[in-house]
Protein backbone atom coordinates (compact mmCIF):
# COMPACT_ATOMS: atom_id res chain seq x y z
CA MET A 1 0.19 0.05 0.31
CA THR A 2 2.70 2.49 0.67
CA GLN A 3 4.40 1.95 -2.30
CA THR A 4 1.01 2.77 -4.55
CA LEU A 5 0.47 5.63 -2.43
CA THR A 6 3.56 6.83 -3.60
CA LYS A 7 3.40 5.93 -7.40
CA TYR A 8 0.06 7.78 -6.75
CA ALA A 9 0.56 10.45 -4.93
CA GLY A 10 -0.80 12.84 -6.76
CA TYR A 11 -3.71 11.44 -7.26
CA HIS A 12 -4.09 10.95 -3.26
CA GLU A 13 -3.25 14.57 -3.04
CA ALA A 14 -6.12 15.56 -5.26
CA PHE A 15 -8.59 13.08 -3.80
CA GLN A 16 -7.92 14.24 -0.36
CA ALA A 17 -8.27 17.63 -1.49
CA LEU A 18 -11.62 16.85 -3.34
CA GLU A 19 -12.91 15.64 -0.30
CA SER A 20 -12.18 18.09 2.66
CA SER A 21 -13.19 21.03 -0.18
CA ALA A 22 -16.76 18.77 -0.89
CA PRO A 23 -19.66 21.24 -0.37
CA LYS A 24 -21.41 20.37 3.01
CA SER A 25 -24.29 19.30 0.78
CA THR A 26 -22.71 16.16 -0.84
CA PRO A 27 -24.78 13.21 0.28
CA PRO A 28 -23.00 10.70 2.42
CA TRP A 29 -24.06 8.14 0.48
CA LEU A 30 -21.62 10.37 -2.81
CA HIS A 31 -18.88 10.53 -0.17
CA GLU A 32 -19.02 6.74 0.41
CA LEU A 33 -18.77 6.01 -2.81
CA ARG A 34 -16.21 8.08 -4.08
CA ARG A 35 -13.93 6.56 -0.87
CA GLN A 36 -14.96 3.19 -2.43
CA ALA A 37 -14.09 3.91 -5.60
CA TRP A 38 -10.20 5.32 -4.49
CA SER A 39 -9.64 2.24 -2.11
CA ARG A 40 -10.55 0.13 -5.53
CA PHE A 41 -7.80 2.45 -7.42
CA GLN A 42 -5.27 1.95 -4.76
CA GLN A 43 -5.80 -1.93 -5.48
CA LEU A 44 -5.81 -1.82 -9.51
CA GLY A 45 -4.13 0.94 -10.42
CA PHE A 46 -3.33 1.43 -14.28
CA PRO A 47 -2.93 -1.68 -16.05
CA THR A 48 0.74 -1.07 -17.38
CA ALA A 49 1.40 -5.02 -17.37
CA ARG A 50 0.38 -6.28 -20.66
CA ARG A 51 1.13 -9.81 -20.45
CA GLY A 52 -1.94 -11.89 -19.89
CA ASN A 53 -3.94 -9.00 -19.85
CA GLU A 54 -6.02 -9.38 -23.16
CA LYS A 55 -8.07 -6.10 -22.77
CA TRP A 56 -4.84 -4.15 -23.00
CA LYS A 57 -2.97 -6.12 -25.06
CA TYR A 58 -2.33 -3.84 -27.76
CA THR A 59 -2.25 -0.36 -26.23
CA ASN A 60 0.28 1.03 -23.83
CA VAL A 61 -0.91 3.18 -21.09
CA ALA A 62 2.79 3.64 -19.28
CA PRO A 63 2.50 7.31 -20.76
CA ILE A 64 -0.56 8.36 -18.97
CA ALA A 65 0.81 6.36 -15.80
CA SER A 66 4.46 8.05 -15.76
CA ALA A 67 2.83 11.67 -16.54
CA ALA A 68 2.47 14.09 -13.72
CA PHE A 69 -1.51 15.70 -14.30
CA SER A 70 -3.00 18.72 -11.68
CA HIS A 71 -6.66 17.81 -10.92
CA PRO A 72 -8.38 21.45 -11.60
CA ALA A 73 -10.26 21.09 -8.31
CA ALA A 74 -12.07 24.91 -9.12
CA LEU A 75 -12.76 26.68 -12.51
CA PRO A 76 -10.02 29.05 -12.66
CA SER A 77 -11.30 32.32 -13.39
CA GLY A 78 -10.98 33.89 -16.83
CA ALA A 79 -10.31 30.09 -17.97
CA GLN A 80 -14.39 29.72 -20.08
CA PRO A 81 -13.75 29.71 -24.09
CA THR A 82 -16.70 32.82 -25.25
CA ALA A 83 -20.03 31.38 -26.26
CA GLY A 84 -18.77 32.26 -30.24
CA ARG A 85 -16.10 30.04 -29.48
CA VAL A 86 -17.96 27.28 -28.07
CA LYS A 87 -20.10 27.29 -31.10
CA GLN A 88 -17.51 26.79 -33.19
CA LEU A 89 -15.87 23.81 -30.91
CA GLY A 90 -18.54 21.21 -31.61
CA PRO A 91 -21.94 20.49 -33.53
CA SER A 92 -24.85 22.80 -32.39
CA ALA A 93 -28.14 24.12 -34.06
CA PRO A 94 -31.20 26.04 -32.94
CA GLY A 95 -33.65 24.64 -30.71
CA TRP A 96 -30.94 22.23 -29.31
CA THR A 97 -30.41 22.00 -25.90
CA ASN A 98 -26.87 22.80 -25.03
CA LEU A 99 -24.63 21.65 -21.68
CA VAL A 100 -21.09 22.85 -21.51
CA PHE A 101 -18.08 22.04 -19.62
CA VAL A 102 -15.08 23.34 -19.36
CA ASP A 103 -12.17 21.37 -17.25
CA GLY A 104 -15.23 19.27 -16.28
CA HIS A 105 -16.96 22.05 -14.26
CA TYR A 106 -19.70 22.84 -15.44
CA SER A 107 -20.37 26.52 -17.24
CA PRO A 108 -23.94 27.82 -16.64
CA ALA A 109 -22.99 31.19 -18.66
CA LEU A 110 -22.38 28.83 -21.96
CA SER A 111 -25.18 26.44 -21.49
CA THR A 112 -28.68 26.92 -22.75
CA GLN A 113 -31.10 25.83 -19.96
CA PRO A 114 -33.85 24.03 -21.20
CA GLY A 115 -37.55 24.84 -20.78
CA GLN A 116 -39.35 22.78 -17.85
CA ALA A 117 -40.55 19.76 -19.42
CA PRO A 118 -43.20 17.09 -17.56
CA GLY A 119 -40.94 14.54 -16.59
CA ILE A 120 -38.04 15.48 -17.81
CA VAL A 121 -34.91 16.54 -16.34
CA VAL A 122 -31.46 17.85 -18.07
CA ASP A 123 -28.92 19.24 -15.56
CA ASN A 124 -25.32 19.23 -14.53
CA LEU A 125 -24.45 15.68 -11.99
CA SER A 126 -23.24 17.99 -9.20
CA LYS A 127 -26.41 19.42 -8.51
CA ALA A 128 -28.91 16.51 -9.32
CA THR A 129 -26.99 14.80 -6.82
CA VAL A 130 -28.76 17.57 -4.07
CA SER A 131 -31.51 18.41 -5.78
CA SER A 132 -32.62 14.71 -7.16
CA PRO A 133 -31.00 11.84 -5.50
CA GLN A 134 -34.34 9.70 -5.56
CA LEU A 135 -33.39 9.96 -9.30
CA VAL A 136 -29.65 9.67 -9.21
CA GLN A 137 -28.82 7.58 -6.62
CA PRO A 138 -30.38 4.48 -8.25
CA HIS A 139 -28.50 4.23 -11.20
CA LEU A 140 -25.05 6.09 -10.39
CA ALA A 141 -21.90 3.76 -10.80
CA ARG A 142 -24.64 0.67 -11.33
CA GLN A 143 -23.89 0.07 -14.91
CA ALA A 144 -19.94 1.34 -14.49
CA GLY A 145 -18.82 -1.11 -12.13
CA PHE A 146 -15.44 -0.24 -10.77
CA GLU A 147 -14.35 -3.51 -9.46
CA ASP A 148 -12.61 -4.44 -12.25
CA ASP A 149 -11.20 -1.53 -14.16
CA GLY A 150 -8.78 1.18 -12.73
CA PHE A 151 -9.94 3.77 -15.05
CA ILE A 152 -13.58 3.88 -13.93
CA ALA A 153 -12.45 3.71 -10.37
CA LEU A 154 -10.24 6.68 -10.58
CA ASN A 155 -13.14 8.14 -12.36
CA THR A 156 -15.37 7.05 -10.00
CA ALA A 157 -13.63 8.37 -6.83
CA PHE A 158 -13.13 11.46 -8.71
CA LEU A 159 -16.86 11.69 -9.22
CA GLN A 160 -17.94 15.40 -8.92
CA ASP A 161 -19.99 16.53 -12.44
CA GLY A 162 -21.25 15.81 -15.44
CA ALA A 163 -24.31 15.68 -17.33
CA PHE A 164 -27.53 14.08 -15.84
CA ILE A 165 -30.63 13.12 -18.28
CA HIS A 166 -33.80 11.71 -16.70
CA VAL A 167 -36.53 11.20 -18.76
CA ALA A 168 -39.76 9.48 -17.55
CA ASP A 169 -41.75 6.77 -18.24
CA ASN A 170 -43.62 7.48 -21.47
CA ARG A 171 -42.25 10.96 -22.03
CA THR A 172 -40.26 12.40 -25.11
CA ALA A 173 -37.49 14.67 -24.88
CA PRO A 174 -38.41 17.60 -27.37
CA ALA A 175 -34.96 18.65 -28.65
CA MET A 176 -31.43 17.35 -28.87
CA ILE A 177 -29.64 17.08 -25.76
CA ASN A 178 -25.95 18.57 -26.60
CA LEU A 179 -23.42 17.91 -24.05
CA LEU A 180 -19.92 19.55 -24.95
CA PHE A 181 -16.90 18.96 -23.02
CA VAL A 182 -14.02 21.59 -23.55
CA THR A 183 -10.63 21.18 -21.84
CA THR A 184 -8.66 24.32 -21.91
CA GLU A 185 -5.23 24.75 -22.30
CA GLY A 186 -3.04 25.66 -19.15
CA PRO A 187 0.13 26.21 -17.42
CA THR A 188 0.32 22.31 -16.63
CA PRO A 189 -0.74 19.17 -18.16
CA LYS A 190 -4.20 18.53 -16.33
CA VAL A 191 -6.65 16.05 -15.70
CA THR A 192 -10.33 16.00 -15.50
CA PHE A 193 -12.96 13.00 -14.93
CA PRO A 194 -16.16 14.09 -16.64
CA ARG A 195 -19.39 12.10 -16.08
CA VAL A 196 -23.09 11.56 -17.85
CA LEU A 197 -25.50 9.33 -16.39
CA VAL A 198 -28.51 9.26 -19.05
CA VAL A 199 -31.60 6.87 -17.77
CA ALA A 200 -34.63 6.89 -19.87
CA GLY A 201 -37.54 5.09 -18.25
CA LYS A 202 -40.21 3.07 -20.02
CA GLY A 203 -41.26 4.24 -23.10
CA SER A 204 -39.43 7.26 -23.52
CA GLN A 205 -37.21 8.72 -26.23
CA VAL A 206 -34.27 10.82 -25.97
CA SER A 207 -31.75 11.68 -28.59
CA LEU A 208 -28.07 12.87 -27.23
CA VAL A 209 -24.54 13.91 -28.20
CA GLU A 210 -21.82 14.19 -26.29
CA THR A 211 -18.51 16.06 -27.63
CA TYR A 212 -15.06 16.11 -26.31
CA VAL A 213 -13.13 19.02 -27.61
CA SER A 214 -10.10 21.00 -26.90
CA PRO A 215 -9.42 24.67 -28.55
CA ALA A 216 -5.46 24.21 -27.63
CA LYS A 217 -2.74 21.44 -28.91
CA SER A 218 -2.52 21.14 -24.93
CA ARG A 219 -1.14 17.75 -23.57
CA TYR A 220 -3.83 16.58 -21.16
CA PHE A 221 -5.58 13.82 -19.73
CA ILE A 222 -9.20 13.26 -19.77
CA ASN A 223 -10.93 10.16 -18.35
CA THR A 224 -14.74 9.71 -18.83
CA VAL A 225 -17.18 7.48 -17.81
CA THR A 226 -21.01 7.58 -19.81
CA GLU A 227 -23.82 4.85 -18.25
CA ILE A 228 -27.16 4.34 -20.22
CA VAL A 229 -30.18 3.40 -18.82
CA VAL A 230 -32.48 2.09 -21.57
CA GLY A 231 -35.96 1.20 -20.18
CA ASP A 232 -38.42 -1.21 -21.63
CA GLY A 233 -40.00 -0.13 -25.22
CA ALA A 234 -37.78 2.87 -24.68
CA ASN A 235 -35.75 4.33 -27.72
CA VAL A 236 -32.39 5.91 -27.27
CA GLU A 237 -30.07 7.75 -29.92
CA HIS A 238 -26.90 8.63 -29.03
CA CYS A 239 -23.75 10.11 -30.98
CA ARG A 240 -20.24 10.53 -29.20
CA LEU A 241 -17.35 12.47 -30.61
CA LEU A 242 -13.53 12.67 -29.84
CA LEU A 243 -11.94 16.12 -31.24
CA GLU A 244 -8.97 15.98 -28.70
CA SER A 245 -5.86 18.15 -28.74
CA PRO A 246 -3.62 15.71 -31.05
CA GLU A 247 -0.89 15.64 -27.58
CA ALA A 248 -4.08 14.63 -25.62
CA PHE A 249 -4.42 11.15 -23.46
CA HIS A 250 -8.37 9.72 -23.95
CA VAL A 251 -9.37 7.03 -21.92
CA GLY A 252 -13.38 6.57 -22.06
CA ASN A 253 -15.68 3.86 -20.77
CA THR A 254 -19.64 3.88 -21.74
CA ARG A 255 -21.94 0.96 -20.64
CA VAL A 256 -25.43 0.52 -21.78
CA TYR A 257 -28.27 -1.40 -20.42
CA GLN A 258 -31.08 -2.35 -22.02
CA GLY A 259 -34.44 -3.26 -20.94
CA GLN A 260 -37.51 -5.49 -22.64
CA ASP A 261 -38.02 -4.25 -26.33
CA SER A 262 -36.28 -1.47 -25.97
CA THR A 263 -33.91 0.55 -28.98
CA PHE A 264 -30.82 1.82 -28.71
CA THR A 265 -28.58 3.65 -31.19
CA SER A 266 -24.88 4.84 -31.56
CA ALA A 267 -22.67 6.38 -33.45
CA GLY A 268 -19.14 7.22 -32.72
CA PHE A 269 -16.94 9.34 -34.51
CA PHE A 270 -12.99 9.84 -33.64
CA ARG A 271 -10.34 12.19 -34.81
CA GLY A 272 -7.80 13.44 -32.38
CA ALA A 273 -6.23 12.40 -29.28
CA ALA A 274 -2.36 11.25 -29.31
CA LEU A 275 -3.76 7.67 -27.57
CA ALA A 276 -7.38 7.46 -27.39
CA ARG A 277 -9.59 4.40 -26.11
CA ASN A 278 -13.32 3.72 -26.53
CA ASP A 279 -14.19 1.03 -24.22
CA PHE A 280 -18.54 0.63 -25.44
CA GLN A 281 -20.33 -2.02 -23.61
CA VAL A 282 -23.95 -2.72 -24.41
CA LEU A 283 -26.20 -5.43 -21.89
CA LEU A 284 -29.39 -6.48 -24.10
CA ASP A 285 -31.03 -7.77 -20.64
CA GLY A 286 -34.35 -7.84 -22.10
CA THR A 287 -36.50 -9.99 -24.49
CA GLY A 288 -36.77 -8.24 -28.30
CA ALA A 289 -34.19 -5.24 -27.18
CA ASN A 290 -32.58 -3.99 -30.61
CA CYS A 291 -29.17 -2.43 -30.93
CA THR A 292 -27.09 -0.57 -33.31
CA VAL A 293 -22.95 0.60 -32.33
CA ASN A 294 -21.35 2.39 -35.12
CA GLY A 295 -18.02 4.25 -35.42
CA LEU A 296 -15.85 5.84 -37.74
CA TYR A 297 -12.43 6.82 -36.54
CA LEU A 298 -9.26 9.26 -38.73
CA THR A 299 -5.99 8.74 -37.21
CA THR A 300 -2.49 10.35 -38.91
CA ASP A 301 1.18 10.58 -37.42
CA SER A 302 1.71 8.51 -34.88
CA GLN A 303 -1.64 8.58 -33.53
CA HIS A 304 -3.05 5.37 -31.50
CA VAL A 305 -6.47 4.72 -31.35
CA ASP A 306 -8.03 1.08 -29.16
CA HIS A 307 -11.70 0.56 -29.34
CA LEU A 308 -13.21 -2.37 -27.50
CA ILE A 309 -16.78 -3.25 -28.19
CA GLY A 310 -18.73 -5.54 -26.41
CA ILE A 311 -22.79 -6.54 -27.09
CA ASP A 312 -23.89 -8.82 -24.59
CA HIS A 313 -27.30 -10.92 -25.50
CA ALA A 314 -28.85 -12.14 -22.23
CA LYS A 315 -32.28 -12.66 -23.55
CA PRO A 316 -33.52 -13.90 -26.63
CA HIS A 317 -35.34 -12.40 -29.50
CA GLY A 318 -32.62 -9.61 -29.33
CA THR A 319 -31.18 -8.23 -32.32
CA SER A 320 -27.87 -6.31 -32.92
CA ARG A 321 -25.58 -4.53 -35.27
CA LEU A 322 -22.40 -3.53 -34.89
CA LEU A 323 -20.11 -1.26 -37.44
CA TYR A 324 -16.57 0.16 -37.44
CA LYS A 325 -14.39 2.02 -39.87
CA GLY A 326 -11.42 3.06 -39.70
CA ILE A 327 -9.21 5.56 -41.72
CA LEU A 328 -5.63 5.16 -40.97
CA ASP A 329 -2.82 7.01 -42.45
CA GLY A 330 0.69 8.05 -41.08
CA LYS A 331 2.02 6.20 -38.76
CA SER A 332 -0.64 5.53 -36.70
CA LYS A 333 -1.89 2.80 -35.53
CA ALA A 334 -5.46 1.46 -34.62
CA VAL A 335 -6.93 -1.71 -32.38
CA PHE A 336 -10.60 -3.16 -32.76
CA GLY A 337 -11.51 -5.94 -30.16
CA GLY A 338 -15.21 -6.44 -30.94
CA THR A 339 -17.05 -9.21 -28.78
CA VAL A 340 -20.69 -10.37 -29.31
CA MET A 341 -21.67 -12.62 -26.53
CA VAL A 342 -25.00 -14.83 -26.77
CA ARG A 343 -26.28 -16.27 -23.64
CA LYS A 344 -27.63 -19.98 -23.40
CA ASP A 345 -31.08 -18.01 -22.72
CA ALA A 346 -30.91 -15.56 -25.53
CA GLN A 347 -31.83 -17.94 -28.31
CA LYS A 348 -33.01 -16.48 -31.65
CA THR A 349 -30.59 -14.10 -31.22
CA ASP A 350 -29.56 -12.06 -34.38
CA ALA A 351 -26.21 -10.38 -34.18
CA ARG A 352 -24.03 -9.30 -37.20
CA GLN A 353 -20.83 -7.31 -36.36
CA THR A 354 -18.37 -5.84 -38.90
CA ASP A 355 -15.05 -4.00 -38.96
CA LYS A 356 -13.47 -1.86 -42.05
CA ASN A 357 -9.99 -0.58 -42.47
CA LEU A 358 -8.94 2.00 -44.89
CA LEU A 359 -4.97 1.87 -44.84
CA LEU A 360 -3.44 4.99 -46.82
CA SER A 361 -0.02 4.37 -45.83
CA PRO A 362 2.40 2.21 -46.05
CA ASP A 363 3.59 2.61 -42.38
CA ALA A 364 -0.18 2.85 -40.74
CA GLU A 365 -1.35 -0.53 -38.77
CA VAL A 366 -4.48 -2.17 -37.49
CA ASP A 367 -5.20 -4.96 -35.41
CA SER A 368 -8.75 -6.28 -35.29
CA LYS A 369 -9.89 -8.95 -33.64
CA PRO A 370 -13.60 -9.21 -34.19
CA SER A 371 -15.24 -12.49 -31.74
CA LEU A 372 -18.52 -14.04 -31.45
CA LEU A 373 -18.98 -16.31 -28.38
CA ILE A 374 -22.54 -18.15 -28.81
CA PHE A 375 -24.10 -20.63 -25.92
CA ALA A 376 -27.40 -20.72 -27.63
CA ASP A 377 -28.30 -22.94 -30.58
CA ASP A 378 -30.83 -20.98 -32.13
CA VAL A 379 -29.52 -18.28 -33.76
CA LYS A 380 -28.16 -16.14 -36.50
CA CYS A 381 -24.54 -14.58 -36.05
CA ALA A 382 -22.15 -13.53 -38.07
CA HIS A 383 -18.77 -11.40 -38.05
CA GLY A 384 -15.91 -10.26 -40.35
CA ALA A 385 -13.37 -7.74 -40.42
CA THR A 386 -11.34 -6.14 -43.75
CA ALA A 387 -8.28 -4.27 -44.11
CA GLY A 388 -7.09 -2.84 -47.62
CA HIS A 389 -6.10 -0.19 -49.43
CA ILE A 390 -7.34 2.65 -52.10
CA ASP A 391 -8.39 0.05 -55.44
CA ALA A 392 -5.85 1.34 -57.70
CA ASN A 393 -8.21 0.40 -60.74
CA THR A 394 -11.07 2.66 -59.54
CA VAL A 395 -8.28 5.31 -59.30
CA PHE A 396 -7.11 5.21 -62.52
CA TYR A 397 -10.92 4.73 -63.84
CA MET A 398 -12.00 8.14 -62.24
CA GLN A 399 -8.63 9.87 -63.40
CA SER A 400 -9.72 8.47 -67.26
CA ARG A 401 -12.71 10.40 -66.48
CA GLY A 402 -10.93 13.78 -66.10
CA LEU A 403 -10.63 13.73 -62.16
CA ASP A 404 -7.01 14.45 -60.86
CA LEU A 405 -5.25 11.95 -58.44
CA ALA A 406 -6.03 13.91 -55.30
CA THR A 407 -9.92 14.34 -56.28
CA ALA A 408 -10.33 11.08 -56.76
CA SER A 409 -8.63 9.72 -53.61
CA ARG A 410 -11.10 11.87 -51.87
CA MET A 411 -13.85 10.61 -53.15
CA LEU A 412 -13.42 7.21 -52.80
CA ILE A 413 -12.32 8.36 -49.04
CA HIS A 414 -15.05 10.09 -48.64
CA ALA A 415 -17.71 7.25 -49.70
CA PHE A 416 -16.26 4.69 -47.93
CA ALA A 417 -17.09 7.11 -44.58
CA ARG A 418 -20.08 8.07 -45.41
CA GLU A 419 -21.68 4.62 -44.60
CA VAL A 420 -21.26 5.53 -40.94
CA ILE A 421 -22.22 9.19 -41.53
CA ASP A 422 -25.62 8.44 -42.68
CA THR A 423 -26.42 6.26 -40.09
CA VAL A 424 -27.06 9.69 -37.76
CA GLN A 425 -30.24 11.00 -37.85
CA ALA A 426 -30.12 14.43 -36.92
CA GLU A 427 -29.55 16.50 -40.12
CA PRO A 428 -28.10 19.31 -38.29
CA LEU A 429 -25.42 16.42 -37.16
CA ARG A 430 -25.11 14.86 -40.02
CA ASP A 431 -23.95 17.56 -42.16
CA TYR A 432 -21.64 18.52 -38.80
CA LEU A 433 -19.99 15.23 -39.48
CA ASP A 434 -19.61 15.25 -43.02
CA GLY A 435 -18.49 18.57 -43.57
CA LEU A 436 -15.76 17.45 -40.23
CA PHE A 437 -14.25 14.43 -41.97
CA SER A 438 -14.41 15.79 -45.63
CA GLN A 439 -12.21 18.49 -44.65
CA ALA A 440 -9.65 15.73 -42.61
CA MET A 441 -9.58 13.36 -45.26
CA PRO A 442 -6.27 12.93 -46.29
CA ALA A 443 -4.88 13.27 -49.85
CA SER A 444 -1.05 12.39 -49.18
CA SER A 445 1.14 9.45 -48.92
CA LEU A 446 -2.01 7.38 -50.61
CA ARG A 447 -1.48 3.51 -50.87
CA PHE A 448 -3.15 1.81 -53.54
CA GLY A 449 -3.78 -2.05 -54.14
CA GLY A 450 -4.15 -3.81 -57.43
CA THR A 451 -2.51 -2.59 -60.46
CA PRO A 452 -4.30 -0.56 -63.54
């Protein structure tokens, strides 16, 4: 224990400061939750030992574990970006409900307060734990358990603020809920611990987008946890955007629970970050649950992005679709580990997962490992993975029609990405993503397959 305290002395001091300076209104159950999580983190630490650790086999988190990060316990004066700058950092549209967080802290000045619709709560988590504990406590840290994950344990230990969305039974959130987490530049590298809790009651509907961004090319560590509860017959549309600094470290854990006849749709889009980890797990724990998880990422230079996606069919008549696409340039590296589990009693399950990768550089690398774990005998399941280059014959054909090499290549890459972008239902968000990835499409260092 002494060695652990020495190794994580900075986190220990920050945790002690957080607890000692907590407002008197902080409920006792939240203090206890933090203490339990901190105790567990001291036992687990960061997963730096990768031998025999399949979850972290291809990703080295030693740069995170060995670095010293300051914890912004309070928002420094003058650190907030302007409202105009915020609109440039992420997606937005008239009528959306916007909750903005700067360095992990809610910013009322940059947020738009939603109307008081009956049965719908959209608020910052630190306020909700005090004003609506009966809605928060039964679900907080229930889906994202910290017993076996050091990053989740650390996030829970520093659980202070974030977004809370609660939609009562048979209610519909009238507008897109836009969560924007901004990390600012500072004199020293910082760490923040955003938290998102979404609870959709029976027969309810809600759409949300959570975006993580930084206006500066600074070095920092952001450790996020998102918990989503989809009640019986509920419909949740979810989008996650990673637009971090190219020097940032981002570790994100998302846990989703689905009830009977529920529908959950998620699309993740990833750009930026020196090292990014996307751990996304869905439990279909109700008969007839339907789940769709899509993802698109673009890496360049020496970036490293790791996707660990799991879909667990626990009840019969469930349907799941998993599609991830990667575009890799430079010396970047990507990891995809997709697992679909069908438990013994989950008969009549229909599951399909696909991982496709486009390598634009001879130095880019992808490690893909899709897998199926099937313990039922009456199911329809399939999986597949591909990695390749732009087809030289297709490029040659397009050039013969008057297009130059760069234009032809960009069109092909854009078409590859559109399959995921087009799954986004909200038109303003879809247009934003299309423009975002169109601007970022590389046209140099192209690698071709085949001979024209």
